[in-house]
Amino acid sequence: MVRNRLRRRVRAVLEESASRLPPGALLVSLSPGAVERSPAQLRDDVTSLLNSLDRQLHGAAR
């Protein structure tokens, strides 16, 4: 039950950020400690992940 709740929370955050996602599949792995994160903390974590991904994909091209 906890894992499904966490999965739904992360899916919602990713849906909010859909315009920032690169085309194709995206695999997100969560550590066991993620269940203790609040929805706001998860949103911050995913935003940080997307910022890092954006820098890796586009940083060298700029």
N, C-alpha and C. Protein backbone atom coordinates (compact mmCIF):
# COMPACT_ATOMS: atom_id res chain seq x y z
N MET A 1 0.81 -1.19 0.00
CA MET A 1 0.00 0.00 0.00
C MET A 1 0.86 1.26 0.00
N VAL A 2 1.89 1.27 0.81
CA VAL A 2 2.77 2.43 0.90
C VAL A 2 3.49 2.64 -0.42
N ARG A 3 3.96 1.54 -1.01
CA ARG A 3 4.67 1.64 -2.28
C ARG A 3 3.77 2.19 -3.37
N ASN A 4 2.50 1.78 -3.39
CA ASN A 4 1.57 2.28 -4.40
C ASN A 4 1.30 3.77 -4.20
N ARG A 5 1.19 4.21 -2.95
CA ARG A 5 0.97 5.63 -2.66
C ARG A 5 2.16 6.45 -3.15
N LEU A 6 3.34 5.94 -2.88
CA LEU A 6 4.56 6.61 -3.32
C LEU A 6 4.61 6.67 -4.85
N ARG A 7 4.27 5.58 -5.48
CA ARG A 7 4.25 5.52 -6.94
C ARG A 7 3.28 6.56 -7.51
N ARG A 8 2.09 6.67 -6.91
CA ARG A 8 1.11 7.65 -7.38
C ARG A 8 1.62 9.08 -7.19
N ARG A 9 2.28 9.34 -6.07
CA ARG A 9 2.81 10.68 -5.81
C ARG A 9 3.86 11.07 -6.85
N VAL A 10 4.78 10.15 -7.11
CA VAL A 10 5.83 10.44 -8.08
C VAL A 10 5.25 10.57 -9.48
N ARG A 11 4.30 9.74 -9.83
CA ARG A 11 3.66 9.84 -11.14
C ARG A 11 2.99 11.20 -11.30
N ALA A 12 2.32 11.69 -10.25
CA ALA A 12 1.67 13.00 -10.32
C ALA A 12 2.70 14.12 -10.53
N VAL A 13 3.82 14.04 -9.85
CA VAL A 13 4.86 15.05 -10.02
C VAL A 13 5.41 15.01 -11.45
N LEU A 14 5.63 13.81 -11.96
CA LEU A 14 6.15 13.69 -13.33
C LEU A 14 5.13 14.20 -14.35
N GLU A 15 3.86 13.97 -14.09
CA GLU A 15 2.83 14.48 -15.01
C GLU A 15 2.83 16.00 -15.01
N GLU A 16 3.05 16.63 -13.84
CA GLU A 16 3.13 18.09 -13.76
C GLU A 16 4.32 18.61 -14.58
N SER A 17 5.36 17.81 -14.69
CA SER A 17 6.59 18.21 -15.37
C SER A 17 6.71 17.60 -16.76
N ALA A 18 5.62 17.15 -17.32
CA ALA A 18 5.67 16.41 -18.59
C ALA A 18 6.36 17.19 -19.70
N SER A 19 6.20 18.51 -19.72
CA SER A 19 6.81 19.29 -20.80
C SER A 19 8.33 19.30 -20.72
N ARG A 20 8.88 18.98 -19.55
CA ARG A 20 10.33 18.97 -19.36
C ARG A 20 10.95 17.61 -19.64
N LEU A 21 10.12 16.59 -19.77
CA LEU A 21 10.65 15.24 -19.93
C LEU A 21 11.12 15.01 -21.36
N PRO A 22 12.27 14.34 -21.51
CA PRO A 22 12.73 14.02 -22.86
C PRO A 22 11.83 12.94 -23.46
N PRO A 23 11.80 12.86 -24.79
CA PRO A 23 11.00 11.80 -25.42
C PRO A 23 11.55 10.43 -25.06
N GLY A 24 10.66 9.46 -25.01
CA GLY A 24 11.07 8.10 -24.70
C GLY A 24 10.71 7.70 -23.29
N ALA A 25 11.20 6.56 -22.91
CA ALA A 25 10.90 6.00 -21.59
C ALA A 25 11.79 6.63 -20.53
N LEU A 26 11.25 6.75 -19.35
CA LEU A 26 12.00 7.27 -18.21
C LEU A 26 11.78 6.30 -17.05
N LEU A 27 12.86 5.76 -16.56
CA LEU A 27 12.80 4.83 -15.44
C LEU A 27 13.23 5.57 -14.19
N VAL A 28 12.35 5.58 -13.19
CA VAL A 28 12.64 6.26 -11.93
C VAL A 28 12.70 5.20 -10.84
N SER A 29 13.81 5.18 -10.14
CA SER A 29 14.00 4.24 -9.04
C SER A 29 14.02 5.03 -7.74
N LEU A 30 13.33 4.53 -6.74
CA LEU A 30 13.25 5.22 -5.45
C LEU A 30 13.90 4.38 -4.37
N SER A 31 14.58 5.03 -3.47
CA SER A 31 15.19 4.32 -2.35
C SER A 31 14.11 4.06 -1.30
N PRO A 32 14.33 3.11 -0.40
CA PRO A 32 13.34 2.83 0.64
C PRO A 32 13.02 4.05 1.50
N GLY A 33 13.97 4.96 1.65
CA GLY A 33 13.74 6.15 2.46
C GLY A 33 12.76 7.13 1.83
N ALA A 34 12.44 6.93 0.56
CA ALA A 34 11.51 7.84 -0.13
C ALA A 34 10.12 7.83 0.48
N VAL A 35 9.75 6.74 1.14
CA VAL A 35 8.41 6.68 1.74
C VAL A 35 8.26 7.69 2.87
N GLU A 36 9.37 8.16 3.42
CA GLU A 36 9.32 9.12 4.51
C GLU A 36 9.28 10.56 4.02
N ARG A 37 9.41 10.78 2.71
CA ARG A 37 9.42 12.12 2.13
C ARG A 37 7.99 12.63 1.98
N SER A 38 7.78 13.89 2.24
CA SER A 38 6.46 14.50 2.04
C SER A 38 6.25 14.71 0.54
N PRO A 39 5.01 14.94 0.13
CA PRO A 39 4.78 15.23 -1.29
C PRO A 39 5.59 16.43 -1.79
N ALA A 40 5.73 17.45 -0.98
CA ALA A 40 6.52 18.62 -1.37
C ALA A 40 8.00 18.25 -1.53
N GLN A 41 8.51 17.42 -0.64
CA GLN A 41 9.90 16.99 -0.74
C GLN A 41 10.11 16.13 -1.98
N LEU A 42 9.16 15.25 -2.27
CA LEU A 42 9.25 14.43 -3.48
C LEU A 42 9.25 15.32 -4.72
N ARG A 43 8.39 16.34 -4.74
CA ARG A 43 8.35 17.27 -5.87
C ARG A 43 9.70 17.96 -6.03
N ASP A 44 10.29 18.40 -4.91
CA ASP A 44 11.61 19.03 -4.97
C ASP A 44 12.67 18.06 -5.49
N ASP A 45 12.60 16.81 -5.04
CA ASP A 45 13.56 15.79 -5.48
C ASP A 45 13.45 15.55 -6.98
N VAL A 46 12.23 15.43 -7.47
CA VAL A 46 12.03 15.18 -8.91
C VAL A 46 12.46 16.40 -9.71
N THR A 47 12.15 17.59 -9.23
CA THR A 47 12.59 18.81 -9.91
C THR A 47 14.10 18.86 -10.00
N SER A 48 14.76 18.51 -8.93
CA SER A 48 16.23 18.48 -8.93
C SER A 48 16.74 17.44 -9.93
N LEU A 49 16.11 16.30 -9.97
CA LEU A 49 16.48 15.25 -10.93
C LEU A 49 16.32 15.75 -12.36
N LEU A 50 15.21 16.41 -12.64
CA LEU A 50 14.98 16.92 -14.00
C LEU A 50 15.96 18.02 -14.36
N ASN A 51 16.31 18.87 -13.40
CA ASN A 51 17.31 19.90 -13.66
C ASN A 51 18.65 19.27 -14.01
N SER A 52 19.03 18.24 -13.28
CA SER A 52 20.28 17.54 -13.54
C SER A 52 20.25 16.87 -14.92
N LEU A 53 19.13 16.24 -15.24
CA LEU A 53 18.97 15.59 -16.54
C LEU A 53 19.06 16.62 -17.66
N ASP A 54 18.42 17.76 -17.48
CA ASP A 54 18.46 18.82 -18.48
C ASP A 54 19.89 19.31 -18.71
N ARG A 55 20.64 19.48 -17.63
CA ARG A 55 22.03 19.92 -17.76
C ARG A 55 22.85 18.87 -18.51
N GLN A 56 22.63 17.61 -18.23
CA GLN A 56 23.38 16.55 -18.91
C GLN A 56 23.04 16.47 -20.39
N LEU A 57 21.76 16.65 -20.71
CA LEU A 57 21.33 16.52 -22.10
C LEU A 57 21.63 17.76 -22.92
N HIS A 58 21.54 18.94 -22.30
CA HIS A 58 21.65 20.18 -23.07
C HIS A 58 22.81 21.06 -22.64
N GLY A 59 23.44 20.74 -21.55
CA GLY A 59 24.52 21.58 -21.02
C GLY A 59 25.68 21.73 -21.98
N ALA A 60 26.10 20.65 -22.60
CA ALA A 60 27.25 20.70 -23.50
C ALA A 60 26.90 21.39 -24.81
N ALA A 61 25.63 21.41 -25.17
CA ALA A 61 25.22 22.00 -26.43
C ALA A 61 25.07 23.52 -26.34
N ARG A 62 25.04 24.05 -25.13
CA ARG A 62 24.84 25.50 -24.96
C ARG A 62 26.13 26.24 -24.90
